[in-house]
Amino acid sequence: MTAAALTAAQKDALATVAARAGELSDWCATIFGFGETAWREYRSADWYVARLRAEGFRVEEGSGGMPTAFCADWSNGEGPVIGLYGEYDAVPGNCQAATTRREPRAGLGFQAGGHTDPHSGLGIGALGGLLATKEAMEKHGIKGGLRFTGEPAEKVRGSKPIHAAKGYYDGLAAILSFHPFYMLPMCNTVRWDTHCGAAYAMIYRFICDAPEAWGRADGAPIPQSHSAVRAPGANDALMIMYQSSKALREAMLPHQGGWSVSEAILTAGQATADNLPAGLAEIQYMMRTPTVAMAEQITAVLDRNAGAAAMMSGCRWERHWVCKSRPGLANHAMARVVWDALQAVGAPQWGEAAREIAREIQRELGLSPMVRPFIDEMERLVDPVEAEAILRRDLPPSQINSTSDDYTDMCWHAPTARFYIARPALKAPDGFAYPNWVMNALGGIPATIDPMVTTAAKVLALSALRLLEDRAARDAAMEEFKSRTGGGIGGRAWVAPLCDYPPPIHFRWPEYVETTRGRDWWIPSAMPGA
């Protein structure tokens, strides 16, 4: 597709994005400034709900039983409905101001939340595309509807498996999935065959609520006095679990394909008295695997480790699901629609104002400022087939899926395209690696992040309108979806939702808190080194 081949509605949509670029920039900065983390994105979700209602959408708050999720709908009459979505969760320990030096956002410490991917730009880029599509549909009388879901907790792959299981993606004609990225091959391109894989995440909880019973099975109950031997307790169970799972990680799966298991301690000790065993400890595990079977295999090992750890430390244990997401499903017809739009829009471009900001960062780090400081590939398109070939170089031929993101759950409910627009990243001199704060800052500074946001909004609008106006393109995508699933939803090759658990919203997730001292991160910003 060339610019000359665009429909009148598509041309108007591009003009809308350009006209609202200032608003999109301000909105992106707002969400970046909230920096709220998984399951606790209260201000961000409230902002989106208010904005969408102001734009004429009907919004369900708390969709799927998730307080920071939502589902917004708008209709222009009977016709196909296109799905888009926003993410807005940040990452703990990545608080960074939108400046050219390392510093946390005002009033916070570095351990607070901050946008790394950045989901602030992801969500606003998607919102920009949504609003441009809506305006074009109204102006040109295009029948159909738009659904925009608010997706919290992507960093723990949280909301989309739940939304999918509860039917929020059913009945859509197509879904468009955008994500920022900066490295080849997934830079200014569309996924072709190899979509993201399966992902499981769970919390193991150890409870020591009967320490006096420890050892009774051996006929040697332990005296429960303050000066006597006592049950180890929940902290010890957690540490045994942590160490044993680390030690057995190499035995969980073969060494190929980029699978991973990581952990995070959520709760430990509960500040109990020094002469009492800790009563509660929780550790979260997250895994990325190409297949569900591999995830189940790892889960079985972790379950055995948890049982052994609990038995050795006088505890009982529970497993609580955070995520069970399916691997992705390709759709070439959808990929072609988005690739056409990408070619019409072109890759994002960074002007002199953005370059000077990049040079300021380089000077701050003691580097010689570069004439063209941004990575060259960020301003180029990559053909999806070429990107696929590059991606496959490091994967076994039998591996169908790789890496992780929960958009994959959408793929089983409607034809879905996953595409990437370049986010700002800097060239590095030989032997130098930029500290993480640089990428985070570039994702919040308007001059450096805005090109990605507006480019994504344009690609989304062109793609959505193509699907709404071009029945042949829409039908081709649906026919491929039915072919790959063996008949669509419920077909012989369709994978049903794996989510069989309630939203895991009640755990001690990192968050901002309000106290008599004001608003702060749960780790106080006044703490030395925080």
Protein backbone atom coordinates (compact mmCIF):
# COMPACT_ATOMS: atom_id res chain seq x y z
CA MET A 1 0.00 0.00 0.00
CA THR A 2 1.29 3.44 -0.91
CA ALA A 3 0.08 6.78 0.37
CA ALA A 4 -1.60 7.35 -2.98
CA ALA A 5 -3.62 4.13 -2.55
CA LEU A 6 -5.12 5.16 0.76
CA THR A 7 -8.86 5.60 1.04
CA ALA A 8 -10.33 8.96 1.96
CA ALA A 9 -11.08 7.65 5.45
CA GLN A 10 -7.49 6.51 5.91
CA LYS A 11 -6.13 9.86 4.78
CA ASP A 12 -8.40 11.62 7.24
CA ALA A 13 -7.25 9.28 10.01
CA LEU A 14 -3.63 10.23 9.35
CA ALA A 15 -4.61 13.88 9.52
CA THR A 16 -6.38 13.26 12.85
CA VAL A 17 -3.28 11.71 14.38
CA ALA A 18 -1.21 14.65 13.20
CA ALA A 19 -3.75 17.14 14.56
CA ARG A 20 -3.87 15.42 17.95
CA ALA A 21 -0.13 14.81 18.24
CA GLY A 22 0.19 17.41 20.98
CA GLU A 23 -2.53 15.73 23.04
CA LEU A 24 -0.97 12.31 22.54
CA SER A 25 2.35 13.68 23.75
CA ASP A 26 0.79 15.14 26.89
CA TRP A 27 -1.16 11.96 27.58
CA CYS A 28 1.93 9.79 27.18
CA ALA A 29 3.82 11.98 29.65
CA THR A 30 0.93 11.66 32.10
CA ILE A 31 0.92 7.87 32.11
CA PHE A 32 4.73 7.81 32.25
CA GLY A 33 4.54 10.02 35.32
CA PHE A 34 2.12 7.67 37.08
CA GLY A 35 4.58 4.78 36.79
CA GLU A 36 2.15 2.29 38.36
CA THR A 37 3.01 -1.39 38.52
CA ALA A 38 1.17 -4.68 37.91
CA TRP A 39 -2.33 -4.98 39.38
CA ARG A 40 -2.00 -1.56 41.02
CA GLU A 41 -2.46 0.83 38.06
CA TYR A 42 -5.30 2.76 39.69
CA ARG A 43 -4.58 6.27 38.41
CA SER A 44 -3.68 5.04 34.94
CA ALA A 45 -6.88 3.03 34.57
CA ASP A 46 -8.99 5.89 35.92
CA TRP A 47 -7.37 8.24 33.42
CA TYR A 48 -8.14 5.96 30.47
CA VAL A 49 -11.73 5.40 31.59
CA ALA A 50 -12.36 9.15 31.89
CA ARG A 51 -10.70 9.88 28.54
CA LEU A 52 -12.61 7.18 26.69
CA ARG A 53 -15.93 8.30 28.11
CA ALA A 54 -15.15 11.86 27.10
CA GLU A 55 -14.53 10.53 23.57
CA GLY A 56 -17.95 8.86 23.42
CA PHE A 57 -17.14 5.29 24.44
CA ARG A 58 -19.25 3.15 26.72
CA VAL A 59 -16.84 1.79 29.35
CA GLU A 60 -17.09 -1.14 31.72
CA GLU A 61 -14.75 -0.60 34.66
CA GLY A 62 -13.14 -3.53 36.46
CA SER A 63 -13.71 -5.88 33.54
CA GLY A 64 -13.07 -9.56 34.21
CA GLY A 65 -13.00 -8.93 37.95
CA MET A 66 -9.76 -6.93 37.67
CA PRO A 67 -10.02 -3.51 39.37
CA THR A 68 -7.54 -1.83 37.01
CA ALA A 69 -8.91 -3.35 33.80
CA PHE A 70 -11.66 -1.95 31.59
CA CYS A 71 -13.50 -2.61 28.35
CA ALA A 72 -14.59 0.30 26.14
CA ASP A 73 -17.01 -0.06 23.22
CA TRP A 74 -18.23 2.25 20.48
CA SER A 75 -20.48 1.46 17.55
CA ASN A 76 -21.37 3.21 14.31
CA GLY A 77 -24.06 0.72 13.42
CA GLU A 78 -24.15 -2.94 12.52
CA GLY A 79 -20.86 -4.22 11.15
CA PRO A 80 -17.52 -5.78 12.02
CA VAL A 81 -15.90 -4.88 15.33
CA ILE A 82 -12.14 -4.34 15.53
CA GLY A 83 -10.27 -4.87 18.79
CA LEU A 84 -7.37 -2.77 20.07
CA TYR A 85 -5.94 -2.47 23.56
CA GLY A 86 -3.75 -0.46 25.87
CA GLU A 87 -1.24 -1.52 28.48
CA TYR A 88 -0.08 0.83 31.23
CA ASP A 89 1.80 -1.15 33.89
CA ALA A 90 5.34 -0.16 34.83
CA VAL A 91 8.13 -2.14 36.50
CA PRO A 92 9.25 -1.93 40.15
CA GLY A 93 12.77 -0.64 40.73
CA ASN A 94 12.89 1.42 37.53
CA CYS A 95 11.78 4.86 38.65
CA GLN A 96 13.33 7.41 36.28
CA ALA A 97 12.44 11.00 35.53
CA ALA A 98 12.00 12.19 31.95
CA THR A 99 15.40 13.89 32.04
CA THR A 100 18.87 13.43 30.57
CA ARG A 101 20.48 12.29 33.83
CA ARG A 102 19.81 9.50 36.29
CA GLU A 103 17.27 10.69 38.81
CA PRO A 104 13.95 9.36 40.11
CA ARG A 105 10.67 11.12 39.52
CA ALA A 106 9.99 13.90 42.00
CA GLY A 107 9.34 12.75 45.55
CA LEU A 108 10.27 9.12 44.89
CA GLY A 109 13.27 6.81 45.15
CA PHE A 110 14.78 4.64 42.45
CA GLN A 111 12.93 1.57 43.77
CA ALA A 112 9.53 2.96 42.74
CA GLY A 113 7.84 1.91 39.53
CA GLY A 114 8.91 3.12 36.12
CA HIS A 115 8.10 2.41 32.48
CA THR A 116 10.71 0.28 30.78
CA ASP A 117 9.13 -1.02 27.54
CA PRO A 118 7.48 1.65 27.71
CA HIS A 119 3.83 0.75 28.18
CA SER A 120 3.05 4.44 28.59
CA GLY A 121 3.81 4.90 24.89
CA LEU A 122 2.20 1.59 23.94
CA GLY A 123 -1.15 2.51 25.45
CA ILE A 124 -1.26 6.06 24.13
CA GLY A 125 -0.17 4.98 20.66
CA ALA A 126 -3.06 2.50 20.66
CA LEU A 127 -5.46 5.14 21.97
CA GLY A 128 -4.37 7.54 19.25
CA GLY A 129 -5.06 4.94 16.58
CA LEU A 130 -8.42 4.14 18.13
CA LEU A 131 -9.59 7.76 18.21
CA ALA A 132 -8.41 8.44 14.65
CA THR A 133 -10.27 5.36 13.44
CA LYS A 134 -13.44 6.41 15.24
CA GLU A 135 -13.36 9.92 13.78
CA ALA A 136 -12.87 8.56 10.26
CA MET A 137 -15.73 6.08 10.70
CA GLU A 138 -18.04 8.87 11.80
CA LYS A 139 -17.05 11.23 9.01
CA HIS A 140 -17.32 8.64 6.23
CA GLY A 141 -20.26 6.62 7.55
CA ILE A 142 -18.27 3.41 7.95
CA LYS A 143 -20.40 0.84 9.74
CA GLY A 144 -19.01 -1.29 12.51
CA GLY A 145 -17.55 -0.91 15.95
CA LEU A 146 -14.43 -0.59 18.04
CA ARG A 147 -13.50 -2.36 21.26
CA PHE A 148 -10.61 -1.09 23.36
CA THR A 149 -9.60 -3.16 26.38
CA GLY A 150 -7.45 -1.88 29.21
CA GLU A 151 -4.93 -4.58 30.00
CA PRO A 152 -3.18 -4.35 33.38
CA ALA A 153 -0.24 -6.42 34.64
CA GLU A 154 1.28 -7.40 31.29
CA LYS A 155 4.65 -7.65 33.02
CA VAL A 156 3.31 -10.70 34.82
CA ARG A 157 1.20 -11.62 31.76
CA GLY A 158 -1.85 -11.01 33.84
CA SER A 159 -5.03 -9.68 32.24
CA LYS A 160 -5.38 -11.12 28.75
CA PRO A 161 -5.77 -14.79 29.76
CA ILE A 162 -8.52 -13.66 32.13
CA HIS A 163 -10.24 -11.42 29.58
CA ALA A 164 -10.02 -14.24 27.05
CA ALA A 165 -11.56 -16.80 29.37
CA LYS A 166 -14.41 -14.41 30.17
CA GLY A 167 -15.27 -13.78 26.51
CA TYR A 168 -14.06 -10.21 25.99
CA TYR A 169 -12.38 -11.06 22.67
CA ASP A 170 -15.15 -13.24 21.27
CA GLY A 171 -17.06 -11.90 18.30
CA LEU A 172 -14.33 -9.53 17.12
CA ALA A 173 -13.53 -9.44 13.41
CA ALA A 174 -9.84 -8.80 14.09
CA ILE A 175 -7.42 -7.69 16.80
CA LEU A 176 -4.41 -5.40 16.39
CA SER A 177 -1.50 -5.74 18.80
CA PHE A 178 1.30 -3.14 18.94
CA HIS A 179 4.44 -3.16 21.07
CA PRO A 180 7.55 -0.93 21.22
CA PHE A 181 10.88 -2.52 20.35
CA TYR A 182 14.30 -1.43 19.11
CA MET A 183 16.45 -4.43 18.17
CA LEU A 184 16.53 -6.38 14.94
CA PRO A 185 14.67 -8.26 13.75
CA MET A 186 11.59 -7.06 15.66
CA CYS A 187 11.88 -3.39 14.77
CA ASN A 188 9.31 -1.70 12.51
CA THR A 189 7.91 -5.01 11.34
CA VAL A 190 5.12 -7.56 11.84
CA ARG A 191 5.42 -11.05 13.28
CA TRP A 192 5.04 -13.67 10.58
CA ASP A 193 5.17 -17.32 11.73
CA THR A 194 7.00 -17.35 15.05
CA HIS A 195 4.77 -15.72 17.63
CA CYS A 196 5.37 -15.53 21.37
CA GLY A 197 5.13 -18.72 23.37
CA ALA A 198 3.30 -20.04 26.39
CA ALA A 199 3.80 -18.53 29.82
CA TYR A 200 2.97 -19.68 33.31
CA ALA A 201 3.38 -17.70 36.52
CA MET A 202 2.45 -18.71 40.03
CA ILE A 203 2.97 -17.81 43.67
CA TYR A 204 4.03 -20.45 46.16
CA ARG A 205 2.87 -19.60 49.65
CA PHE A 206 4.39 -21.21 52.72
CA ILE A 207 2.46 -21.03 55.99
CA CYS A 208 3.81 -22.07 59.37
CA ASP A 209 0.66 -22.02 61.49
CA ALA A 210 1.40 -25.08 63.67
CA PRO A 211 5.11 -24.90 64.54
CA GLU A 212 4.54 -27.10 67.58
CA ALA A 213 3.78 -30.04 65.27
CA TRP A 214 7.17 -30.01 63.54
CA GLY A 215 8.93 -33.33 64.12
CA ARG A 216 5.94 -35.19 65.50
CA ALA A 217 5.92 -37.56 62.56
CA ASP A 218 9.24 -38.88 63.86
CA GLY A 219 7.89 -39.28 67.39
CA ALA A 220 10.02 -36.43 68.68
CA PRO A 221 7.86 -33.32 69.14
CA ILE A 222 9.84 -30.15 69.72
CA PRO A 223 9.30 -28.28 72.99
CA GLN A 224 7.74 -24.90 72.26
CA SER A 225 9.42 -22.57 74.70
CA HIS A 226 11.25 -19.36 73.90
CA SER A 227 14.59 -20.93 74.73
CA ALA A 228 14.06 -24.31 73.03
CA VAL A 229 14.53 -25.63 69.52
CA ARG A 230 11.71 -24.53 67.28
CA ALA A 231 10.27 -25.18 63.81
CA PRO A 232 12.27 -23.40 61.07
CA GLY A 233 9.19 -21.66 59.62
CA ALA A 234 8.14 -20.00 56.41
CA ASN A 235 11.32 -18.04 55.68
CA ASP A 236 13.32 -21.25 55.72
CA ALA A 237 10.78 -22.94 53.47
CA LEU A 238 11.10 -20.08 51.00
CA MET A 239 14.89 -20.28 51.02
CA ILE A 240 14.87 -24.05 50.55
CA MET A 241 12.45 -23.60 47.66
CA TYR A 242 14.60 -20.84 46.15
CA GLN A 243 17.86 -22.78 46.37
CA SER A 244 16.50 -26.16 45.29
CA SER A 245 14.72 -24.70 42.27
CA LYS A 246 17.88 -22.85 41.27
CA ALA A 247 19.88 -26.05 41.59
CA LEU A 248 17.41 -28.10 39.53
CA ARG A 249 16.79 -25.51 36.83
CA GLU A 250 19.17 -27.16 34.40
CA ALA A 251 17.21 -30.41 34.73
CA MET A 252 13.80 -28.92 34.00
CA LEU A 253 14.03 -28.74 30.19
CA PRO A 254 16.58 -29.27 27.40
CA HIS A 255 19.00 -26.42 26.74
CA GLN A 256 17.54 -24.92 23.59
CA GLY A 257 14.91 -22.49 22.46
CA GLY A 258 15.32 -19.60 24.87
CA TRP A 259 13.04 -20.84 27.66
CA SER A 260 13.47 -19.23 31.06
CA VAL A 261 12.33 -19.40 34.69
CA SER A 262 12.67 -16.43 37.02
CA GLU A 263 11.53 -15.69 40.54
CA ALA A 264 10.60 -12.79 42.79
CA ILE A 265 10.07 -12.83 46.55
CA LEU A 266 6.80 -11.08 47.40
CA THR A 267 6.51 -11.62 51.15
CA ALA A 268 8.97 -12.88 53.75
CA GLY A 269 9.01 -13.03 57.53
CA GLN A 270 6.26 -10.57 58.41
CA ALA A 271 8.63 -8.99 60.98
CA THR A 272 7.88 -11.68 63.56
CA ALA A 273 9.55 -11.76 66.97
CA ASP A 274 13.07 -13.10 67.10
CA ASN A 275 12.04 -16.17 69.07
CA LEU A 276 9.15 -17.23 66.85
CA PRO A 277 9.24 -18.87 63.40
CA ALA A 278 8.08 -16.75 60.47
CA GLY A 279 4.47 -17.55 59.74
CA LEU A 280 4.18 -16.61 56.05
CA ALA A 281 6.44 -16.31 53.02
CA GLU A 282 5.61 -16.09 49.30
CA ILE A 283 7.70 -16.48 46.18
CA GLN A 284 6.54 -15.95 42.60
CA TYR A 285 7.87 -17.97 39.66
CA MET A 286 7.47 -16.92 36.04
CA MET A 287 8.36 -19.07 33.06
CA ARG A 288 8.58 -18.55 29.32
CA THR A 289 8.30 -21.67 27.19
CA PRO A 290 7.40 -22.43 23.57
CA THR A 291 4.66 -24.89 24.55
CA VAL A 292 2.10 -25.50 27.27
CA ALA A 293 3.48 -29.02 27.80
CA MET A 294 6.88 -27.57 28.69
CA ALA A 295 5.28 -25.17 31.17
CA GLU A 296 3.42 -28.06 32.78
CA GLN A 297 6.68 -30.00 33.09
CA ILE A 298 8.39 -27.13 34.92
CA THR A 299 5.34 -26.66 37.15
CA ALA A 300 5.54 -30.30 38.22
CA VAL A 301 9.17 -29.84 39.30
CA LEU A 302 8.34 -26.65 41.21
CA ASP A 303 5.41 -28.36 42.94
CA ARG A 304 7.68 -31.16 44.12
CA ASN A 305 10.22 -28.64 45.39
CA ALA A 306 7.52 -26.72 47.27
CA GLY A 307 6.25 -29.89 48.92
CA ALA A 308 9.73 -30.89 49.99
CA ALA A 309 10.55 -27.41 51.29
CA ALA A 310 7.34 -27.28 53.31
CA MET A 311 7.90 -30.71 54.81
CA MET A 312 11.46 -29.89 55.89
CA SER A 313 10.53 -26.61 57.54
CA GLY A 314 7.32 -27.40 59.38
CA CYS A 315 5.02 -25.59 56.95
CA ARG A 316 2.18 -26.25 54.60
CA TRP A 317 2.20 -24.85 51.07
CA GLU A 318 -0.23 -23.49 48.48
CA ARG A 319 0.12 -22.66 44.80
CA HIS A 320 -1.80 -19.65 43.44
CA TRP A 321 -1.88 -18.91 39.71
CA VAL A 322 -0.87 -15.53 38.34
CA CYS A 323 -0.93 -16.49 34.67
CA LYS A 324 -1.52 -19.42 32.35
CA SER A 325 -1.30 -18.12 28.80
CA ARG A 326 -1.35 -19.95 25.49
CA PRO A 327 1.26 -19.71 22.71
CA GLY A 328 0.53 -17.38 19.81
CA LEU A 329 -1.14 -18.21 16.52
CA ALA A 330 0.08 -16.79 13.21
CA ASN A 331 -2.17 -15.11 10.66
CA HIS A 332 -0.43 -14.07 7.43
CA ALA A 333 -3.46 -12.26 6.05
CA MET A 334 -3.53 -10.00 9.09
CA ALA A 335 0.23 -9.52 8.94
CA ARG A 336 -0.05 -8.36 5.33
CA VAL A 337 -2.71 -5.79 6.24
CA VAL A 338 -0.49 -4.27 8.90
CA TRP A 339 2.64 -4.49 6.74
CA ASP A 340 0.83 -2.55 4.02
CA ALA A 341 -0.03 0.10 6.61
CA LEU A 342 3.56 0.21 7.88
CA GLN A 343 4.86 0.80 4.38
CA ALA A 344 2.36 3.60 3.83
CA VAL A 345 3.28 5.32 7.10
CA GLY A 346 7.00 4.59 7.11
CA ALA A 347 9.33 4.09 10.04
CA PRO A 348 9.47 6.73 12.79
CA GLN A 349 12.03 9.49 12.34
CA TRP A 350 13.90 11.40 15.04
CA GLY A 351 14.64 15.06 14.34
CA GLU A 352 17.34 17.38 15.58
CA ALA A 353 15.58 18.18 18.86
CA ALA A 354 15.55 14.49 19.76
CA ARG A 355 19.15 14.05 18.64
CA GLU A 356 20.31 16.89 20.86
CA ILE A 357 18.61 15.26 23.85
CA ALA A 358 20.42 12.04 23.00
CA ARG A 359 23.71 13.93 22.84
CA GLU A 360 23.05 15.45 26.26
CA ILE A 361 22.74 11.93 27.65
CA GLN A 362 25.98 10.93 25.96
CA ARG A 363 27.75 13.93 27.47
CA GLU A 364 26.28 13.10 30.88
CA LEU A 365 27.89 9.66 30.60
CA GLY A 366 31.26 11.05 29.52
CA LEU A 367 30.89 10.01 25.87
CA SER A 368 31.62 12.05 22.80
CA PRO A 369 28.25 13.15 21.38
CA MET A 370 27.41 11.62 18.02
CA VAL A 371 26.05 13.42 14.98
CA ARG A 372 23.45 10.66 14.57
CA PRO A 373 23.13 9.17 18.06
CA PHE A 374 20.12 6.88 17.48
CA ILE A 375 20.47 3.32 16.21
CA ASP A 376 20.11 3.40 12.43
CA GLU A 377 17.69 0.44 12.27
CA MET A 378 15.10 2.40 14.23
CA GLU A 379 14.37 4.53 11.18
CA ARG A 380 14.01 1.63 8.72
CA LEU A 381 11.34 -0.95 7.97
CA VAL A 382 12.06 -4.68 8.12
CA ASP A 383 10.11 -6.99 5.83
CA PRO A 384 8.21 -9.54 7.95
CA VAL A 385 9.56 -12.52 6.01
CA GLU A 386 13.11 -11.21 6.40
CA ALA A 387 12.52 -10.63 10.12
CA GLU A 388 11.21 -14.18 10.43
CA ALA A 389 14.35 -15.59 8.80
CA ILE A 390 16.59 -13.66 11.21
CA LEU A 391 14.54 -14.78 14.21
CA ARG A 392 14.71 -18.44 13.19
CA ARG A 393 18.53 -18.51 13.09
CA ASP A 394 18.74 -19.08 16.86
CA LEU A 395 15.80 -21.47 17.20
CA PRO A 396 15.52 -25.24 16.68
CA PRO A 397 13.55 -26.04 13.50
CA SER A 398 10.90 -27.84 15.52
CA GLN A 399 10.21 -24.85 17.80
CA ILE A 400 7.10 -22.96 16.70
CA ASN A 401 6.96 -20.20 19.33
CA SER A 402 9.51 -18.08 21.17
CA THR A 403 9.67 -15.37 23.87
CA SER A 404 6.64 -14.22 25.81
CA ASP A 405 3.77 -11.74 25.88
CA ASP A 406 0.16 -12.38 26.78
CA TYR A 407 -1.26 -10.92 23.54
CA THR A 408 -1.05 -14.55 22.47
CA ASP A 409 -4.30 -15.30 24.27
CA MET A 410 -6.08 -12.94 21.88
CA CYS A 411 -4.89 -14.95 18.87
CA TRP A 412 -7.26 -17.83 19.68
CA HIS A 413 -10.39 -15.68 19.64
CA ALA A 414 -10.01 -13.53 16.52
CA PRO A 415 -7.51 -13.03 13.67
CA THR A 416 -4.62 -11.13 15.25
CA ALA A 417 -1.61 -9.21 13.98
CA ARG A 418 1.34 -8.39 16.20
CA PHE A 419 3.60 -5.56 15.08
CA TYR A 420 6.46 -3.49 16.46
CA ILE A 421 7.40 0.16 16.12
CA ALA A 422 10.86 1.31 17.08
CA ARG A 423 11.34 2.99 20.42
CA PRO A 424 14.31 5.35 20.89
CA ALA A 425 17.67 3.72 21.64
CA LEU A 426 21.21 5.04 21.34
CA LYS A 427 24.26 3.84 19.48
CA ALA A 428 27.02 2.68 21.79
CA PRO A 429 30.76 3.10 21.21
CA ASP A 430 32.69 -0.17 21.02
CA GLY A 431 32.88 -1.82 24.42
CA PHE A 432 30.33 0.47 26.06
CA ALA A 433 26.88 -0.47 27.37
CA TYR A 434 24.36 2.19 28.38
CA PRO A 435 22.91 1.93 31.90
CA ASN A 436 19.24 0.94 32.05
CA TRP A 437 18.05 4.39 33.09
CA VAL A 438 18.90 5.75 29.64
CA MET A 439 16.29 3.64 27.85
CA ASN A 440 13.75 4.43 30.56
CA ALA A 441 14.36 8.16 30.26
CA LEU A 442 14.14 8.12 26.46
CA GLY A 443 10.73 6.45 26.84
CA GLY A 444 9.46 9.40 28.85
CA ILE A 445 11.01 12.46 27.18
CA PRO A 446 8.41 13.77 24.70
CA ALA A 447 10.85 14.63 21.91
CA THR A 448 12.28 11.11 21.91
CA ILE A 449 9.16 8.98 22.49
CA ASP A 450 6.58 10.92 20.47
CA PRO A 451 7.76 9.67 17.04
CA MET A 452 7.04 6.10 18.12
CA VAL A 453 3.63 7.00 19.55
CA THR A 454 2.38 8.86 16.47
CA THR A 455 3.76 6.24 14.07
CA ALA A 456 2.02 3.44 15.96
CA ALA A 457 -1.24 5.41 16.05
CA LYS A 458 -1.12 5.89 12.28
CA VAL A 459 -0.38 2.24 11.55
CA LEU A 460 -3.18 1.11 13.84
CA ALA A 461 -5.69 3.50 12.27
CA LEU A 462 -4.78 2.52 8.70
CA SER A 463 -4.94 -1.17 9.57
CA ALA A 464 -8.27 -0.91 11.39
CA LEU A 465 -9.87 1.08 8.59
CA ARG A 466 -8.54 -1.33 5.97
CA LEU A 467 -10.21 -4.19 7.81
CA LEU A 468 -13.45 -2.24 8.18
CA GLU A 469 -13.60 -1.04 4.57
CA ASP A 470 -12.09 -4.03 2.74
CA ARG A 471 -14.30 -7.07 3.20
CA ALA A 472 -11.97 -9.26 1.14
CA ALA A 473 -9.05 -8.53 3.48
CA ARG A 474 -11.25 -9.14 6.49
CA ASP A 475 -12.64 -12.41 5.11
CA ALA A 476 -9.16 -13.65 4.21
CA ALA A 477 -8.01 -13.10 7.78
CA MET A 478 -11.02 -14.94 9.18
CA GLU A 479 -10.65 -17.83 6.75
CA GLU A 480 -7.03 -18.25 7.79
CA PHE A 481 -8.04 -18.10 11.45
CA LYS A 482 -10.58 -20.86 10.89
CA SER A 483 -8.07 -22.93 8.92
CA ARG A 484 -5.37 -22.72 11.58
CA THR A 485 -7.79 -23.49 14.43
CA GLY A 486 -9.63 -26.24 12.61
CA GLY A 487 -12.90 -24.34 12.46
CA GLY A 488 -12.51 -21.24 14.62
CA ILE A 489 -13.40 -21.07 18.30
CA GLY A 490 -14.01 -24.61 19.47
CA GLY A 491 -12.40 -26.10 16.34
CA ARG A 492 -10.38 -29.30 16.31
CA ALA A 493 -7.04 -27.43 16.50
CA TRP A 494 -8.28 -24.62 18.75
CA VAL A 495 -6.68 -24.21 22.17
CA ALA A 496 -9.20 -23.25 24.84
CA PRO A 497 -8.37 -20.66 27.53
CA LEU A 498 -6.13 -22.06 30.28
CA CYS A 499 -7.29 -19.54 32.86
CA ASP A 500 -9.07 -21.43 35.64
CA TYR A 501 -8.22 -19.08 38.50
CA PRO A 502 -9.50 -15.76 39.86
CA PRO A 503 -7.57 -12.54 39.20
CA PRO A 504 -4.54 -12.64 41.56
CA ILE A 505 -5.16 -9.14 42.86
CA HIS A 506 -4.97 -9.78 46.60
CA PHE A 507 -1.26 -10.50 46.95
CA ARG A 508 1.39 -8.12 48.25
CA TRP A 509 2.20 -6.64 44.85
CA PRO A 510 4.58 -3.66 44.95
CA GLU A 511 2.60 -0.41 44.92
CA TYR A 512 2.34 3.21 45.95
CA VAL A 513 0.92 3.87 49.40
CA GLU A 514 -0.73 6.81 51.14
CA THR A 515 0.37 7.48 54.70
CA THR A 516 0.41 10.45 57.06
CA ARG A 517 3.75 11.24 55.41
CA GLY A 518 2.08 11.54 52.01
CA ARG A 519 2.22 9.40 48.88
CA ASP A 520 5.25 7.14 48.56
CA TRP A 521 6.43 3.84 47.16
CA TRP A 522 6.04 0.85 49.47
CA ILE A 523 9.82 0.99 49.96
CA PRO A 524 10.20 4.48 51.49
CA SER A 525 12.00 6.95 49.24
CA ALA A 526 13.77 8.38 52.30
CA MET A 527 15.51 5.06 52.95
CA PRO A 528 19.27 5.32 52.22
CA GLY A 529 20.11 3.58 48.97
CA ALA A 530 16.46 3.25 47.96
